[in-house]
Structure formats: C-alpha cells, structure tokens
C-alpha cells in the first residue's frame, strides 16, 4: 500500500481518563470513562472518537460509490454506533452499527450502495474479521 497521509496522535495521563492530542493540534481532548462503565463521563471517550471517524470515512466511501453509480445522495447521513464490552477471551471488544439515510435512493439500490461502500471504506477494511459491523439502511419514502 502506498501511504498518502499519516495521522499522529498522542495519549497522556491515565489512558481513558487522560488526554489526546494530534501532532498538528487540530484535536486536543480530555478523555473520561463513560458513566456506564463506572467513570465520570464528563469528557469524550475513545469509542466516540472511533464512531466519529468511522461515520465520516464511511460517508465519504458511500458518496464515492454513489457517484460511480450516478445515485442521488442528497441529504445522505451516516450514523456510527460503537459499543464496547467484555469478550469471551477475558478482554474487551467492539461492536459497530452503521445506520445510513439515503432519502433520494430506493431501498434496494440504497442497500447495494451501502454494501459497496463497506467494501471500499478503509475503516470497514480495517475492522473486517475483527469487529462485528452491522449495516442498516434507515426506512425512507424514496420511490
């Protein structure tokens, strides 16, 4: 693979109750363990950051495959839900759901676009075989 861009981020402090910063200072956030996991929940957490990145990346992949298919993605939205919990091996794992709105695209075509985007998206390719990713197309009134 030819690398086109490399992001650099540093975590300091106490891990999930610490701080993250990118090398260019465009992201600088305190982190906190979510209340659901026994923390204060008063700052961002890694799952939120992963969800934001995955949603943006998948939306770009979706728009790319839609252009190729000449599909109208006006009003398209991608929501990423990232869950964390204990796995069967004594560690922790992630589960992801991508919920896609394509209001101008008929349901069957929308499902095909979402599946194609899942094959193109770098986050999908990185998680494939490691993280359960559910794909859902939200019901719309498209003809």
C-alpha atoms as a PDB file:
ATOM      1  CA  UNK A   1       0.000   0.000   0.000  1.00  0.00           C
ATOM      2  CA  UNK A   2       1.207   3.475  -0.831  1.00  0.00           C
ATOM      3  CA  UNK A   3       0.537   5.677   2.221  1.00  0.00           C
ATOM      4  CA  UNK A   4      -0.921   9.041   1.202  1.00  0.00           C
ATOM      5  CA  UNK A   5      -1.337  10.511   4.675  1.00  0.00           C
ATOM      6  CA  UNK A   6      -0.391   9.566   8.227  1.00  0.00           C
ATOM      7  CA  UNK A   7      -2.170  10.950  11.282  1.00  0.00           C
ATOM      8  CA  UNK A   8      -0.186  11.319  14.508  1.00  0.00           C
ATOM      9  CA  UNK A   9      -1.849  11.398  17.928  1.00  0.00           C
ATOM     10  CA  UNK A  10      -0.501  11.086  21.457  1.00  0.00           C
ATOM     11  CA  UNK A  11      -2.308   9.914  24.578  1.00  0.00           C
ATOM     12  CA  UNK A  12      -1.128  11.068  28.012  1.00  0.00           C
ATOM     13  CA  UNK A  13      -2.426  10.879  31.556  1.00  0.00           C
ATOM     14  CA  UNK A  14      -4.369   7.839  32.727  1.00  0.00           C
ATOM     15  CA  UNK A  15      -5.482   6.250  29.446  1.00  0.00           C
ATOM     16  CA  UNK A  16      -9.270   6.534  29.280  1.00  0.00           C
ATOM     17  CA  UNK A  17      -9.090   9.268  31.943  1.00  0.00           C
ATOM     18  CA  UNK A  18      -6.348  11.148  30.134  1.00  0.00           C
ATOM     19  CA  UNK A  19      -5.812  13.467  27.221  1.00  0.00           C
ATOM     20  CA  UNK A  20      -5.295  13.049  23.480  1.00  0.00           C
ATOM     21  CA  UNK A  21      -3.718  15.491  21.080  1.00  0.00           C
ATOM     22  CA  UNK A  22      -2.838  15.342  17.411  1.00  0.00           C
ATOM     23  CA  UNK A  23       0.582  16.485  16.276  1.00  0.00           C
ATOM     24  CA  UNK A  24      -0.957  19.471  14.463  1.00  0.00           C
ATOM     25  CA  UNK A  25      -3.134  20.408  17.478  1.00  0.00           C
ATOM     26  CA  UNK A  26      -6.379  20.232  15.489  1.00  0.00           C
ATOM     27  CA  UNK A  27      -7.638  17.697  18.036  1.00  0.00           C
ATOM     28  CA  UNK A  28      -6.907  18.165  21.732  1.00  0.00           C
ATOM     29  CA  UNK A  29      -9.379  16.481  24.057  1.00  0.00           C
ATOM     30  CA  UNK A  30      -9.649  15.358  27.630  1.00  0.00           C
ATOM     31  CA  UNK A  31     -10.962  11.819  27.969  1.00  0.00           C
ATOM     32  CA  UNK A  32     -13.159  10.250  30.624  1.00  0.00           C
ATOM     33  CA  UNK A  33     -14.527   6.779  31.218  1.00  0.00           C
ATOM     34  CA  UNK A  34     -18.277   6.748  30.371  1.00  0.00           C
ATOM     35  CA  UNK A  35     -20.705   6.642  33.315  1.00  0.00           C
ATOM     36  CA  UNK A  36     -21.974   3.290  32.004  1.00  0.00           C
ATOM     37  CA  UNK A  37     -18.504   1.869  32.651  1.00  0.00           C
ATOM     38  CA  UNK A  38     -18.123   3.394  36.123  1.00  0.00           C
ATOM     39  CA  UNK A  39     -16.465   6.673  35.172  1.00  0.00           C
ATOM     40  CA  UNK A  40     -17.356  10.323  35.463  1.00  0.00           C
ATOM     41  CA  UNK A  41     -18.473  10.555  31.837  1.00  0.00           C
ATOM     42  CA  UNK A  42     -17.623  14.244  31.748  1.00  0.00           C
ATOM     43  CA  UNK A  43     -15.426  14.186  28.635  1.00  0.00           C
ATOM     44  CA  UNK A  44     -15.044  12.384  25.317  1.00  0.00           C
ATOM     45  CA  UNK A  45     -14.098   8.711  25.162  1.00  0.00           C
ATOM     46  CA  UNK A  46     -12.257   6.580  22.569  1.00  0.00           C
ATOM     47  CA  UNK A  47     -15.453   4.956  21.318  1.00  0.00           C
ATOM     48  CA  UNK A  48     -16.929   8.365  20.474  1.00  0.00           C
ATOM     49  CA  UNK A  49     -13.779   9.280  18.566  1.00  0.00           C
ATOM     50  CA  UNK A  50     -13.852   5.972  16.686  1.00  0.00           C
ATOM     51  CA  UNK A  51     -17.563   6.434  15.888  1.00  0.00           C
ATOM     52  CA  UNK A  52     -16.952   9.944  14.542  1.00  0.00           C
ATOM     53  CA  UNK A  53     -14.056   8.794  12.366  1.00  0.00           C
ATOM     54  CA  UNK A  54     -15.901   5.735  11.062  1.00  0.00           C
ATOM     55  CA  UNK A  55     -19.056   7.750  10.251  1.00  0.00           C
ATOM     56  CA  UNK A  56     -17.072  10.348   8.301  1.00  0.00           C
ATOM     57  CA  UNK A  57     -14.955   7.783   6.458  1.00  0.00           C
ATOM     58  CA  UNK A  58     -17.938   5.604   5.568  1.00  0.00           C
ATOM     59  CA  UNK A  59     -19.890   8.648   4.360  1.00  0.00           C
ATOM     60  CA  UNK A  60     -17.016   9.524   2.021  1.00  0.00           C
ATOM     61  CA  UNK A  61     -16.899   5.943   0.710  1.00  0.00           C
ATOM     62  CA  UNK A  62     -20.666   5.996   0.224  1.00  0.00           C
ATOM     63  CA  UNK A  63     -20.511   9.242  -1.746  1.00  0.00           C
ATOM     64  CA  UNK A  64     -17.705   7.777  -3.893  1.00  0.00           C
ATOM     65  CA  UNK A  65     -19.645   4.652  -4.856  1.00  0.00           C
ATOM     66  CA  UNK A  66     -22.810   6.728  -5.333  1.00  0.00           C
ATOM     67  CA  UNK A  67     -21.019   8.990  -7.836  1.00  0.00           C
ATOM     68  CA  UNK A  68     -19.900   5.928  -9.775  1.00  0.00           C
ATOM     69  CA  UNK A  69     -23.479   4.594  -9.760  1.00  0.00           C
ATOM     70  CA  UNK A  70     -24.870   8.062 -10.575  1.00  0.00           C
ATOM     71  CA  UNK A  71     -27.086   7.852  -7.493  1.00  0.00           C
ATOM     72  CA  UNK A  72     -28.510  10.953  -5.836  1.00  0.00           C
ATOM     73  CA  UNK A  73     -27.129  11.118  -2.287  1.00  0.00           C
ATOM     74  CA  UNK A  74     -28.692  14.483  -1.487  1.00  0.00           C
ATOM     75  CA  UNK A  75     -29.491  14.531   2.214  1.00  0.00           C
ATOM     76  CA  UNK A  76     -27.448  11.403   2.956  1.00  0.00           C
ATOM     77  CA  UNK A  77     -26.437  10.805   6.570  1.00  0.00           C
ATOM     78  CA  UNK A  78     -24.283   8.124   8.186  1.00  0.00           C
ATOM     79  CA  UNK A  79     -24.502   7.413  11.902  1.00  0.00           C
ATOM     80  CA  UNK A  80     -21.963   5.126  13.563  1.00  0.00           C
ATOM     81  CA  UNK A  81     -22.746   3.412  16.843  1.00  0.00           C
ATOM     82  CA  UNK A  82     -19.728   1.913  18.605  1.00  0.00           C
ATOM     83  CA  UNK A  83     -20.244  -0.343  21.590  1.00  0.00           C
ATOM     84  CA  UNK A  84     -17.612  -1.783  23.922  1.00  0.00           C
ATOM     85  CA  UNK A  85     -17.866  -4.737  26.240  1.00  0.00           C
ATOM     86  CA  UNK A  86     -16.133  -7.817  27.581  1.00  0.00           C
ATOM     87  CA  UNK A  87     -15.371 -10.572  25.095  1.00  0.00           C
ATOM     88  CA  UNK A  88     -15.175 -14.334  25.582  1.00  0.00           C
ATOM     89  CA  UNK A  89     -11.376 -14.274  25.948  1.00  0.00           C
ATOM     90  CA  UNK A  90     -11.227 -12.068  29.048  1.00  0.00           C
ATOM     91  CA  UNK A  91     -10.504  -8.875  27.129  1.00  0.00           C
ATOM     92  CA  UNK A  92     -12.760  -6.276  25.565  1.00  0.00           C
ATOM     93  CA  UNK A  93     -14.196  -5.982  22.088  1.00  0.00           C
ATOM     94  CA  UNK A  94     -16.103  -3.537  19.947  1.00  0.00           C
ATOM     95  CA  UNK A  95     -19.363  -3.811  18.040  1.00  0.00           C
ATOM     96  CA  UNK A  96     -20.299  -1.307  15.338  1.00  0.00           C
ATOM     97  CA  UNK A  97     -23.568  -0.441  13.647  1.00  0.00           C
ATOM     98  CA  UNK A  98     -23.642   1.890  10.661  1.00  0.00           C
ATOM     99  CA  UNK A  99     -27.073   3.417  10.085  1.00  0.00           C
ATOM    100  CA  UNK A 100     -27.423   5.115   6.709  1.00  0.00           C
ATOM    101  CA  UNK A 101     -30.080   7.530   5.450  1.00  0.00           C
ATOM    102  CA  UNK A 102     -30.332   7.822   1.665  1.00  0.00           C
ATOM    103  CA  UNK A 103     -33.668   9.611   1.253  1.00  0.00           C
ATOM    104  CA  UNK A 104     -33.408  10.058  -2.536  1.00  0.00           C
ATOM    105  CA  UNK A 105     -32.489   6.420  -3.268  1.00  0.00           C
ATOM    106  CA  UNK A 106     -34.914   3.472  -3.435  1.00  0.00           C
ATOM    107  CA  UNK A 107     -34.304   0.938  -0.651  1.00  0.00           C
ATOM    108  CA  UNK A 108     -32.820  -1.904  -2.737  1.00  0.00           C
ATOM    109  CA  UNK A 109     -30.405   0.452  -4.511  1.00  0.00           C
ATOM    110  CA  UNK A 110     -29.531   2.069  -1.162  1.00  0.00           C
ATOM    111  CA  UNK A 111     -28.672  -1.322   0.335  1.00  0.00           C
ATOM    112  CA  UNK A 112     -26.429  -2.087  -2.650  1.00  0.00           C
ATOM    113  CA  UNK A 113     -24.633   1.265  -2.293  1.00  0.00           C
ATOM    114  CA  UNK A 114     -24.103   0.708   1.427  1.00  0.00           C
ATOM    115  CA  UNK A 115     -22.682  -2.761   0.819  1.00  0.00           C
ATOM    116  CA  UNK A 116     -20.327  -1.407  -1.883  1.00  0.00           C
ATOM    117  CA  UNK A 117     -19.227   1.410   0.438  1.00  0.00           C
ATOM    118  CA  UNK A 118     -18.476  -1.219   3.091  1.00  0.00           C
ATOM    119  CA  UNK A 119     -16.052  -2.865   0.639  1.00  0.00           C
ATOM    120  CA  UNK A 120     -14.323   0.468  -0.144  1.00  0.00           C
ATOM    121  CA  UNK A 121     -14.175   2.212   3.256  1.00  0.00           C
ATOM    122  CA  UNK A 122     -10.746   1.958   4.951  1.00  0.00           C
ATOM    123  CA  UNK A 123     -12.358   1.656   8.401  1.00  0.00           C
ATOM    124  CA  UNK A 124     -14.508  -1.228   7.158  1.00  0.00           C
ATOM    125  CA  UNK A 125     -11.467  -2.897   5.657  1.00  0.00           C
ATOM    126  CA  UNK A 126      -9.512  -2.452   8.907  1.00  0.00           C
ATOM    127  CA  UNK A 127     -12.280  -3.908  11.063  1.00  0.00           C
ATOM    128  CA  UNK A 128     -13.349  -6.748   8.755  1.00  0.00           C
ATOM    129  CA  UNK A 129     -12.898 -10.067  10.534  1.00  0.00           C
ATOM    130  CA  UNK A 130     -12.069  -8.325  13.821  1.00  0.00           C
ATOM    131  CA  UNK A 131     -15.156  -6.280  14.716  1.00  0.00           C
ATOM    132  CA  UNK A 132     -18.802  -7.095  14.155  1.00  0.00           C
ATOM    133  CA  UNK A 133     -20.201  -4.388  11.853  1.00  0.00           C
ATOM    134  CA  UNK A 134     -23.942  -4.255  11.216  1.00  0.00           C
ATOM    135  CA  UNK A 135     -25.142  -2.262   8.190  1.00  0.00           C
ATOM    136  CA  UNK A 136     -28.626  -0.745   8.268  1.00  0.00           C
ATOM    137  CA  UNK A 137     -30.425   1.441   5.764  1.00  0.00           C
ATOM    138  CA  UNK A 138     -32.995   3.581   7.522  1.00  0.00           C
ATOM    139  CA  UNK A 139     -36.510   3.391   6.070  1.00  0.00           C
ATOM    140  CA  UNK A 140     -37.254   6.315   3.774  1.00  0.00           C
ATOM    141  CA  UNK A 141     -40.075   7.341   1.496  1.00  0.00           C
ATOM    142  CA  UNK A 142     -37.957   7.160  -1.686  1.00  0.00           C
ATOM    143  CA  UNK A 143     -39.735   5.635  -4.653  1.00  0.00           C
END
